[in-house]
Amino acid sequence: MITLPKASDLLSISDVKKLVGLSESAIYRGVGSKTFPKPVKFGPKMNRWIKAEIEQWFTDRIAERDVA
């Protein structure tokens, strides 16, 4: 069973940019190369990222750093 995120757990591109410190183009390049979480499309001009997926992305970057 899928647990639906609360509205407060959905992040706009502006929120994601502030959180991760990347530009919009860098975020979308990462999405395209499958190195950054994909947004959920709610309409032609409305994308939202799931906060837990962004947090996991951070955790994965830290784990990669610690292995190297």
N, C-alpha and C. Protein backbone atom coordinates (compact mmCIF):
# COMPACT_ATOMS: atom_id res chain seq x y z
N MET A 1 0.83 -1.18 0.00
CA MET A 1 0.00 0.00 0.00
C MET A 1 0.88 1.25 0.00
N ILE A 2 0.58 2.19 -0.83
CA ILE A 2 1.34 3.43 -0.95
C ILE A 2 0.85 4.42 0.10
N THR A 3 1.81 5.04 0.80
CA THR A 3 1.48 6.10 1.75
C THR A 3 1.58 7.42 1.01
N LEU A 4 0.49 8.14 0.96
CA LEU A 4 0.47 9.42 0.26
C LEU A 4 1.12 10.51 1.11
N PRO A 5 1.97 11.33 0.47
CA PRO A 5 2.58 12.43 1.24
C PRO A 5 1.56 13.52 1.54
N LYS A 6 1.79 14.24 2.63
CA LYS A 6 0.96 15.40 2.95
C LYS A 6 1.38 16.54 2.03
N ALA A 7 0.51 17.50 1.85
CA ALA A 7 0.82 18.65 1.00
C ALA A 7 2.10 19.34 1.47
N SER A 8 2.33 19.36 2.76
CA SER A 8 3.54 20.01 3.29
C SER A 8 4.81 19.23 2.96
N ASP A 9 4.66 17.99 2.51
CA ASP A 9 5.80 17.16 2.13
C ASP A 9 6.11 17.25 0.64
N LEU A 10 5.41 18.11 -0.07
CA LEU A 10 5.63 18.31 -1.50
C LEU A 10 6.35 19.64 -1.69
N LEU A 11 7.44 19.61 -2.44
CA LEU A 11 8.28 20.80 -2.59
C LEU A 11 8.23 21.33 -4.02
N SER A 12 8.14 22.64 -4.14
CA SER A 12 8.22 23.28 -5.45
C SER A 12 9.68 23.35 -5.90
N ILE A 13 9.90 23.73 -7.15
CA ILE A 13 11.28 23.87 -7.63
C ILE A 13 12.03 24.92 -6.81
N SER A 14 11.35 25.98 -6.41
CA SER A 14 11.99 27.00 -5.57
C SER A 14 12.44 26.42 -4.24
N ASP A 15 11.57 25.60 -3.64
CA ASP A 15 11.91 24.95 -2.37
C ASP A 15 13.12 24.03 -2.54
N VAL A 16 13.12 23.26 -3.62
CA VAL A 16 14.21 22.30 -3.87
C VAL A 16 15.52 23.05 -4.09
N LYS A 17 15.48 24.13 -4.87
CA LYS A 17 16.68 24.92 -5.12
C LYS A 17 17.27 25.44 -3.82
N LYS A 18 16.44 25.95 -2.94
CA LYS A 18 16.91 26.46 -1.65
C LYS A 18 17.49 25.34 -0.79
N LEU A 19 16.83 24.20 -0.81
CA LEU A 19 17.25 23.07 0.02
C LEU A 19 18.58 22.49 -0.41
N VAL A 20 18.76 22.29 -1.72
CA VAL A 20 19.95 21.59 -2.20
C VAL A 20 21.05 22.51 -2.71
N GLY A 21 20.73 23.78 -2.94
CA GLY A 21 21.74 24.71 -3.39
C GLY A 21 22.14 24.54 -4.84
N LEU A 22 21.27 23.96 -5.65
CA LEU A 22 21.54 23.79 -7.08
C LEU A 22 20.61 24.69 -7.88
N SER A 23 21.03 25.01 -9.09
CA SER A 23 20.17 25.80 -9.98
C SER A 23 19.06 24.91 -10.54
N GLU A 24 18.05 25.56 -11.08
CA GLU A 24 16.95 24.81 -11.68
C GLU A 24 17.45 23.93 -12.82
N SER A 25 18.34 24.47 -13.65
CA SER A 25 18.85 23.67 -14.78
C SER A 25 19.67 22.48 -14.28
N ALA A 26 20.44 22.66 -13.22
CA ALA A 26 21.22 21.54 -12.66
C ALA A 26 20.30 20.46 -12.10
N ILE A 27 19.22 20.88 -11.46
CA ILE A 27 18.25 19.91 -10.93
C ILE A 27 17.63 19.10 -12.06
N TYR A 28 17.19 19.78 -13.11
CA TYR A 28 16.56 19.07 -14.22
C TYR A 28 17.56 18.22 -15.00
N ARG A 29 18.83 18.64 -15.06
CA ARG A 29 19.86 17.78 -15.67
C ARG A 29 20.00 16.49 -14.86
N GLY A 30 20.00 16.63 -13.53
CA GLY A 30 20.07 15.47 -12.66
C GLY A 30 18.87 14.55 -12.82
N VAL A 31 17.70 15.14 -12.97
CA VAL A 31 16.49 14.33 -13.21
C VAL A 31 16.65 13.56 -14.52
N GLY A 32 17.12 14.27 -15.56
CA GLY A 32 17.29 13.64 -16.87
C GLY A 32 18.31 12.53 -16.88
N SER A 33 19.36 12.69 -16.08
CA SER A 33 20.41 11.66 -16.02
C SER A 33 20.16 10.63 -14.91
N LYS A 34 19.01 10.76 -14.27
CA LYS A 34 18.58 9.83 -13.21
C LYS A 34 19.50 9.86 -11.99
N THR A 35 20.11 11.02 -11.72
CA THR A 35 20.95 11.17 -10.53
C THR A 35 20.28 12.06 -9.49
N PHE A 36 19.06 12.51 -9.79
CA PHE A 36 18.29 13.34 -8.87
C PHE A 36 16.85 12.88 -8.95
N PRO A 37 16.11 12.93 -7.84
CA PRO A 37 14.71 12.45 -7.85
C PRO A 37 13.84 13.16 -8.88
N LYS A 38 12.95 12.40 -9.49
CA LYS A 38 12.01 12.96 -10.46
C LYS A 38 10.86 13.65 -9.72
N PRO A 39 10.37 14.74 -10.30
CA PRO A 39 9.20 15.38 -9.70
C PRO A 39 7.93 14.62 -10.05
N VAL A 40 6.90 14.90 -9.29
CA VAL A 40 5.55 14.39 -9.59
C VAL A 40 4.84 15.49 -10.36
N LYS A 41 4.28 15.14 -11.51
CA LYS A 41 3.57 16.13 -12.33
C LYS A 41 2.11 16.19 -11.90
N PHE A 42 1.66 17.39 -11.55
CA PHE A 42 0.26 17.60 -11.19
C PHE A 42 -0.48 18.39 -12.26
N GLY A 43 0.22 18.77 -13.29
CA GLY A 43 -0.36 19.52 -14.39
C GLY A 43 0.76 19.96 -15.31
N PRO A 44 0.42 20.62 -16.42
CA PRO A 44 1.45 21.00 -17.38
C PRO A 44 2.51 21.95 -16.82
N LYS A 45 2.16 22.73 -15.81
CA LYS A 45 3.12 23.68 -15.24
C LYS A 45 3.30 23.50 -13.74
N MET A 46 2.95 22.34 -13.23
CA MET A 46 3.06 22.12 -11.79
C MET A 46 3.77 20.81 -11.49
N ASN A 47 5.01 20.93 -11.07
CA ASN A 47 5.81 19.79 -10.62
C ASN A 47 6.08 19.95 -9.13
N ARG A 48 6.08 18.85 -8.42
CA ARG A 48 6.43 18.87 -7.00
C ARG A 48 7.33 17.68 -6.71
N TRP A 49 8.30 17.91 -5.83
CA TRP A 49 9.19 16.84 -5.39
C TRP A 49 8.74 16.37 -4.03
N ILE A 50 8.92 15.10 -3.77
CA ILE A 50 8.58 14.53 -2.47
C ILE A 50 9.76 14.77 -1.53
N LYS A 51 9.49 15.43 -0.43
CA LYS A 51 10.53 15.83 0.52
C LYS A 51 11.39 14.65 0.96
N ALA A 52 10.77 13.52 1.23
CA ALA A 52 11.51 12.33 1.70
C ALA A 52 12.50 11.85 0.64
N GLU A 53 12.17 11.99 -0.65
CA GLU A 53 13.08 11.58 -1.72
C GLU A 53 14.28 12.52 -1.80
N ILE A 54 14.05 13.81 -1.57
CA ILE A 54 15.16 14.77 -1.55
C ILE A 54 16.06 14.49 -0.35
N GLU A 55 15.46 14.20 0.79
CA GLU A 55 16.25 13.86 1.98
C GLU A 55 17.06 12.59 1.75
N GLN A 56 16.48 11.61 1.06
CA GLN A 56 17.21 10.37 0.76
C GLN A 56 18.36 10.65 -0.20
N TRP A 57 18.15 11.57 -1.14
CA TRP A 57 19.21 11.96 -2.07
C TRP A 57 20.40 12.51 -1.28
N PHE A 58 20.14 13.36 -0.27
CA PHE A 58 21.20 13.88 0.59
C PHE A 58 21.91 12.74 1.31
N THR A 59 21.15 11.83 1.88
CA THR A 59 21.72 10.69 2.61
C THR A 59 22.61 9.86 1.69
N ASP A 60 22.17 9.65 0.47
CA ASP A 60 22.97 8.88 -0.49
C ASP A 60 24.27 9.59 -0.83
N ARG A 61 24.24 10.92 -0.98
CA ARG A 61 25.47 11.68 -1.27
C ARG A 61 26.46 11.54 -0.11
N ILE A 62 25.96 11.58 1.12
CA ILE A 62 26.83 11.43 2.29
C ILE A 62 27.43 10.04 2.33
N ALA A 63 26.62 9.03 2.03
CA ALA A 63 27.12 7.65 2.02
C ALA A 63 28.19 7.46 0.95
N GLU A 64 27.99 8.06 -0.23
CA GLU A 64 29.00 7.98 -1.30
C GLU A 64 30.30 8.63 -0.86
N ARG A 65 30.20 9.75 -0.17
CA ARG A 65 31.39 10.46 0.30
C ARG A 65 32.15 9.59 1.30
N ASP A 66 31.40 8.92 2.19
CA ASP A 66 32.04 8.14 3.25
C ASP A 66 32.69 6.87 2.72
N VAL A 67 32.22 6.37 1.58
CA VAL A 67 32.81 5.17 0.98
C VAL A 67 34.11 5.50 0.27
N ALA A 68 34.16 6.68 -0.32
CA ALA A 68 35.34 7.08 -1.11
C ALA A 68 36.55 7.35 -0.26
